[in-house]
Amino acid sequence: MASKSAKTAQEILMADFQALVRDTEKLLADTANLAGDQADELREQIHDRLAEARESLQLTQDSVRARGQEAISTAEEYVQQNPWQAIGIAAGVGLLIGLLANRR
């Protein structure tokens, strides 16, 4: 579940940055032919879009960090409450990985 959320957040972030790049390239191309007030307005639009991108990146980073910390806390709590089950699960996963690695 956390993996799907992280993947979705990553996809949203990538889409936002692709849109930012497209918009910035368009605005810069438009700015090349303009002077005066129009150029200042376009530069302000570029600045606003970059500020939005920075804010989006910061929010996504904070969200991913919080979910990661929550997952770590949950795992630590589970291991502390169920140490023998955690050891059994780790041994089973290790055995499975060993079998799969040995097949190659």
N, C-alpha and C. Protein backbone atom coordinates (compact mmCIF):
# COMPACT_ATOMS: atom_id res chain seq x y z
N MET A 1 0.82 -1.18 0.00
CA MET A 1 0.00 0.00 0.00
C MET A 1 0.87 1.26 0.00
N ALA A 2 1.87 1.28 0.87
CA ALA A 2 2.77 2.43 0.92
C ALA A 2 3.54 2.55 -0.39
N SER A 3 3.86 1.42 -1.00
CA SER A 3 4.58 1.43 -2.27
C SER A 3 3.74 2.07 -3.37
N LYS A 4 2.45 1.75 -3.41
CA LYS A 4 1.56 2.35 -4.40
C LYS A 4 1.44 3.84 -4.17
N SER A 5 1.34 4.25 -2.91
CA SER A 5 1.24 5.67 -2.60
C SER A 5 2.50 6.41 -3.01
N ALA A 6 3.64 5.82 -2.74
CA ALA A 6 4.91 6.45 -3.11
C ALA A 6 5.03 6.53 -4.63
N LYS A 7 4.61 5.47 -5.32
CA LYS A 7 4.69 5.47 -6.78
C LYS A 7 3.76 6.54 -7.36
N THR A 8 2.55 6.66 -6.79
CA THR A 8 1.61 7.67 -7.25
C THR A 8 2.17 9.06 -7.01
N ALA A 9 2.73 9.29 -5.85
CA ALA A 9 3.33 10.59 -5.54
C ALA A 9 4.47 10.90 -6.50
N GLN A 10 5.26 9.89 -6.83
CA GLN A 10 6.36 10.08 -7.76
C GLN A 10 5.83 10.41 -9.15
N GLU A 11 4.78 9.73 -9.59
CA GLU A 11 4.20 10.01 -10.91
C GLU A 11 3.62 11.41 -10.98
N ILE A 12 2.95 11.84 -9.90
CA ILE A 12 2.40 13.19 -9.86
C ILE A 12 3.52 14.22 -9.92
N LEU A 13 4.58 13.98 -9.17
CA LEU A 13 5.72 14.89 -9.15
C LEU A 13 6.36 14.99 -10.53
N MET A 14 6.55 13.85 -11.18
CA MET A 14 7.15 13.86 -12.52
C MET A 14 6.26 14.60 -13.52
N ALA A 15 4.96 14.40 -13.44
CA ALA A 15 4.03 15.10 -14.34
C ALA A 15 4.09 16.60 -14.10
N ASP A 16 4.17 16.99 -12.84
CA ASP A 16 4.27 18.42 -12.51
C ASP A 16 5.55 19.03 -13.08
N PHE A 17 6.66 18.32 -12.95
CA PHE A 17 7.91 18.85 -13.47
C PHE A 17 7.95 18.87 -15.00
N GLN A 18 7.34 17.89 -15.64
CA GLN A 18 7.26 17.91 -17.10
C GLN A 18 6.43 19.10 -17.57
N ALA A 19 5.33 19.36 -16.87
CA ALA A 19 4.50 20.52 -17.20
C ALA A 19 5.27 21.81 -16.97
N LEU A 20 6.03 21.86 -15.89
CA LEU A 20 6.84 23.04 -15.60
C LEU A 20 7.86 23.29 -16.70
N VAL A 21 8.53 22.25 -17.13
CA VAL A 21 9.54 22.40 -18.19
C VAL A 21 8.89 22.90 -19.47
N ARG A 22 7.75 22.28 -19.84
CA ARG A 22 7.06 22.72 -21.07
C ARG A 22 6.65 24.19 -20.98
N ASP A 23 6.05 24.57 -19.84
CA ASP A 23 5.61 25.95 -19.66
C ASP A 23 6.79 26.92 -19.67
N THR A 24 7.86 26.54 -19.02
CA THR A 24 9.04 27.41 -18.96
C THR A 24 9.64 27.59 -20.34
N GLU A 25 9.75 26.50 -21.10
CA GLU A 25 10.30 26.62 -22.46
C GLU A 25 9.42 27.51 -23.33
N LYS A 26 8.11 27.37 -23.21
CA LYS A 26 7.18 28.20 -23.98
C LYS A 26 7.32 29.66 -23.59
N LEU A 27 7.36 29.92 -22.28
CA LEU A 27 7.46 31.30 -21.82
C LEU A 27 8.79 31.94 -22.22
N LEU A 28 9.85 31.16 -22.15
CA LEU A 28 11.15 31.70 -22.55
C LEU A 28 11.19 31.98 -24.05
N ALA A 29 10.58 31.11 -24.84
CA ALA A 29 10.53 31.35 -26.29
C ALA A 29 9.72 32.61 -26.58
N ASP A 30 8.62 32.80 -25.87
CA ASP A 30 7.79 34.00 -26.05
C ASP A 30 8.53 35.25 -25.59
N THR A 31 9.34 35.14 -24.56
CA THR A 31 10.07 36.28 -24.02
C THR A 31 11.13 36.79 -24.99
N ALA A 32 11.67 35.91 -25.81
CA ALA A 32 12.75 36.29 -26.73
C ALA A 32 12.30 37.39 -27.69
N ASN A 33 11.02 37.42 -28.05
CA ASN A 33 10.54 38.39 -29.02
C ASN A 33 9.88 39.61 -28.38
N LEU A 34 9.82 39.63 -27.08
CA LEU A 34 9.11 40.72 -26.40
C LEU A 34 10.07 41.58 -25.60
N ALA A 35 9.65 42.81 -25.42
CA ALA A 35 10.44 43.73 -24.60
C ALA A 35 9.48 44.55 -23.75
N GLY A 36 10.00 45.13 -22.72
CA GLY A 36 9.20 46.02 -21.90
C GLY A 36 8.26 45.30 -20.96
N ASP A 37 7.03 45.81 -20.87
CA ASP A 37 6.05 45.30 -19.91
C ASP A 37 5.68 43.84 -20.17
N GLN A 38 5.56 43.45 -21.43
CA GLN A 38 5.20 42.08 -21.76
C GLN A 38 6.28 41.10 -21.28
N ALA A 39 7.51 41.44 -21.47
CA ALA A 39 8.62 40.58 -21.03
C ALA A 39 8.62 40.48 -19.50
N ASP A 40 8.39 41.59 -18.83
CA ASP A 40 8.34 41.57 -17.37
C ASP A 40 7.21 40.68 -16.87
N GLU A 41 6.06 40.74 -17.54
CA GLU A 41 4.92 39.91 -17.16
C GLU A 41 5.24 38.42 -17.34
N LEU A 42 5.89 38.08 -18.47
CA LEU A 42 6.25 36.69 -18.71
C LEU A 42 7.29 36.20 -17.70
N ARG A 43 8.25 37.05 -17.38
CA ARG A 43 9.24 36.66 -16.37
C ARG A 43 8.57 36.41 -15.01
N GLU A 44 7.60 37.23 -14.69
CA GLU A 44 6.87 37.05 -13.44
C GLU A 44 6.09 35.72 -13.46
N GLN A 45 5.50 35.37 -14.60
CA GLN A 45 4.80 34.10 -14.72
C GLN A 45 5.76 32.93 -14.53
N ILE A 46 6.95 33.04 -15.13
CA ILE A 46 7.96 31.98 -14.97
C ILE A 46 8.34 31.85 -13.50
N HIS A 47 8.55 32.97 -12.86
CA HIS A 47 8.91 32.96 -11.44
C HIS A 47 7.81 32.31 -10.60
N ASP A 48 6.55 32.63 -10.90
CA ASP A 48 5.43 32.05 -10.16
C ASP A 48 5.35 30.54 -10.35
N ARG A 49 5.54 30.06 -11.59
CA ARG A 49 5.50 28.63 -11.86
C ARG A 49 6.65 27.90 -11.16
N LEU A 50 7.82 28.49 -11.13
CA LEU A 50 8.94 27.88 -10.43
C LEU A 50 8.68 27.82 -8.93
N ALA A 51 8.08 28.85 -8.38
CA ALA A 51 7.73 28.84 -6.95
C ALA A 51 6.71 27.75 -6.66
N GLU A 52 5.74 27.57 -7.55
CA GLU A 52 4.75 26.50 -7.38
C GLU A 52 5.43 25.13 -7.42
N ALA A 53 6.37 24.97 -8.34
CA ALA A 53 7.09 23.69 -8.46
C ALA A 53 7.90 23.41 -7.20
N ARG A 54 8.57 24.42 -6.68
CA ARG A 54 9.33 24.23 -5.44
C ARG A 54 8.42 23.82 -4.29
N GLU A 55 7.27 24.48 -4.19
CA GLU A 55 6.32 24.16 -3.13
C GLU A 55 5.79 22.74 -3.28
N SER A 56 5.49 22.35 -4.52
CA SER A 56 5.00 20.99 -4.78
C SER A 56 6.06 19.96 -4.42
N LEU A 57 7.29 20.23 -4.78
CA LEU A 57 8.38 19.32 -4.45
C LEU A 57 8.55 19.19 -2.95
N GLN A 58 8.47 20.31 -2.23
CA GLN A 58 8.63 20.28 -0.78
C GLN A 58 7.50 19.49 -0.12
N LEU A 59 6.26 19.70 -0.58
CA LEU A 59 5.12 18.97 -0.03
C LEU A 59 5.25 17.47 -0.28
N THR A 60 5.66 17.11 -1.49
CA THR A 60 5.82 15.70 -1.82
C THR A 60 6.94 15.09 -0.99
N GLN A 61 8.03 15.79 -0.85
CA GLN A 61 9.15 15.30 -0.05
C GLN A 61 8.72 15.10 1.40
N ASP A 62 8.00 16.05 1.95
CA ASP A 62 7.53 15.93 3.34
C ASP A 62 6.58 14.75 3.50
N SER A 63 5.70 14.57 2.52
CA SER A 63 4.73 13.47 2.57
C SER A 63 5.43 12.12 2.51
N VAL A 64 6.38 11.98 1.59
CA VAL A 64 7.12 10.72 1.46
C VAL A 64 7.94 10.45 2.72
N ARG A 65 8.56 11.47 3.25
CA ARG A 65 9.35 11.31 4.47
C ARG A 65 8.47 10.87 5.65
N ALA A 66 7.29 11.49 5.78
CA ALA A 66 6.38 11.13 6.88
C ALA A 66 5.90 9.69 6.74
N ARG A 67 5.56 9.28 5.52
CA ARG A 67 5.11 7.90 5.32
C ARG A 67 6.24 6.91 5.58
N GLY A 68 7.45 7.27 5.21
CA GLY A 68 8.60 6.41 5.47
C GLY A 68 8.84 6.25 6.96
N GLN A 69 8.79 7.36 7.69
CA GLN A 69 8.97 7.30 9.14
C GLN A 69 7.88 6.47 9.80
N GLU A 70 6.65 6.61 9.30
CA GLU A 70 5.54 5.83 9.84
C GLU A 70 5.75 4.34 9.60
N ALA A 71 6.21 4.00 8.39
CA ALA A 71 6.46 2.59 8.08
C ALA A 71 7.57 2.02 8.96
N ILE A 72 8.61 2.80 9.18
CA ILE A 72 9.72 2.35 10.04
C ILE A 72 9.23 2.15 11.47
N SER A 73 8.45 3.10 11.95
CA SER A 73 7.92 2.98 13.32
C SER A 73 7.04 1.76 13.47
N THR A 74 6.19 1.50 12.48
CA THR A 74 5.31 0.34 12.52
C THR A 74 6.11 -0.95 12.51
N ALA A 75 7.13 -1.02 11.66
CA ALA A 75 7.97 -2.22 11.60
C ALA A 75 8.71 -2.45 12.91
N GLU A 76 9.27 -1.38 13.47
CA GLU A 76 9.98 -1.51 14.74
C GLU A 76 9.05 -1.97 15.85
N GLU A 77 7.85 -1.42 15.88
CA GLU A 77 6.88 -1.81 16.90
C GLU A 77 6.50 -3.28 16.74
N TYR A 78 6.29 -3.73 15.51
CA TYR A 78 5.93 -5.12 15.27
C TYR A 78 7.04 -6.06 15.73
N VAL A 79 8.28 -5.71 15.39
CA VAL A 79 9.41 -6.56 15.77
C VAL A 79 9.56 -6.60 17.29
N GLN A 80 9.35 -5.49 17.96
CA GLN A 80 9.47 -5.48 19.41
C GLN A 80 8.35 -6.28 20.08
N GLN A 81 7.18 -6.26 19.50
CA GLN A 81 6.06 -6.99 20.08
C GLN A 81 6.08 -8.48 19.72
N ASN A 82 6.64 -8.80 18.57
CA ASN A 82 6.64 -10.19 18.08
C ASN A 82 8.04 -10.59 17.60
N PRO A 83 9.00 -10.67 18.50
CA PRO A 83 10.38 -10.93 18.05
C PRO A 83 10.54 -12.29 17.38
N TRP A 84 9.90 -13.32 17.90
CA TRP A 84 10.09 -14.65 17.31
C TRP A 84 9.42 -14.76 15.95
N GLN A 85 8.29 -14.13 15.79
CA GLN A 85 7.65 -14.13 14.48
C GLN A 85 8.49 -13.36 13.47
N ALA A 86 9.07 -12.25 13.92
CA ALA A 86 9.92 -11.46 13.03
C ALA A 86 11.14 -12.27 12.60
N ILE A 87 11.73 -13.01 13.53
CA ILE A 87 12.87 -13.86 13.19
C ILE A 87 12.46 -14.93 12.20
N GLY A 88 11.29 -15.54 12.43
CA GLY A 88 10.80 -16.57 11.52
C GLY A 88 10.55 -16.02 10.13
N ILE A 89 9.94 -14.83 10.06
CA ILE A 89 9.68 -14.21 8.76
C ILE A 89 11.00 -13.89 8.05
N ALA A 90 11.96 -13.34 8.78
CA ALA A 90 13.25 -13.01 8.19
C ALA A 90 13.96 -14.27 7.69
N ALA A 91 13.89 -15.35 8.46
CA ALA A 91 14.52 -16.60 8.04
C ALA A 91 13.83 -17.15 6.80
N GLY A 92 12.51 -17.08 6.76
CA GLY A 92 11.77 -17.56 5.58
C GLY A 92 12.10 -16.76 4.34
N VAL A 93 12.16 -15.45 4.48
CA VAL A 93 12.51 -14.59 3.34
C VAL A 93 13.93 -14.88 2.89
N GLY A 94 14.84 -15.04 3.86
CA GLY A 94 16.23 -15.36 3.52
C GLY A 94 16.34 -16.69 2.79
N LEU A 95 15.60 -17.69 3.25
CA LEU A 95 15.60 -18.99 2.60
C LEU A 95 15.07 -18.89 1.18
N LEU A 96 13.98 -18.15 1.01
CA LEU A 96 13.39 -17.98 -0.31
C LEU A 96 14.36 -17.27 -1.26
N ILE A 97 15.00 -16.24 -0.79
CA ILE A 97 15.97 -15.52 -1.63
C ILE A 97 17.14 -16.44 -1.96
N GLY A 98 17.59 -17.20 -0.99
CA GLY A 98 18.68 -18.15 -1.24
C GLY A 98 18.31 -19.19 -2.28
N LEU A 99 17.11 -19.72 -2.20
CA LEU A 99 16.65 -20.70 -3.21
C LEU A 99 16.57 -20.08 -4.59
N LEU A 100 16.03 -18.87 -4.66
CA LEU A 100 15.91 -18.21 -5.96
C LEU A 100 17.28 -17.86 -6.54
N ALA A 101 18.19 -17.43 -5.69
CA ALA A 101 19.54 -17.09 -6.16
C ALA A 101 20.30 -18.34 -6.60
N ASN A 102 20.04 -19.44 -5.94
CA ASN A 102 20.74 -20.69 -6.25
C ASN A 102 20.26 -21.28 -7.57
N ARG A 103 19.04 -20.97 -8.00
CA ARG A 103 18.49 -21.51 -9.23
C ARG A 103 19.17 -20.91 -10.44
N ARG A 104 19.71 -19.77 -10.33
CA ARG A 104 20.32 -19.09 -11.47
C ARG A 104 21.69 -19.60 -11.61
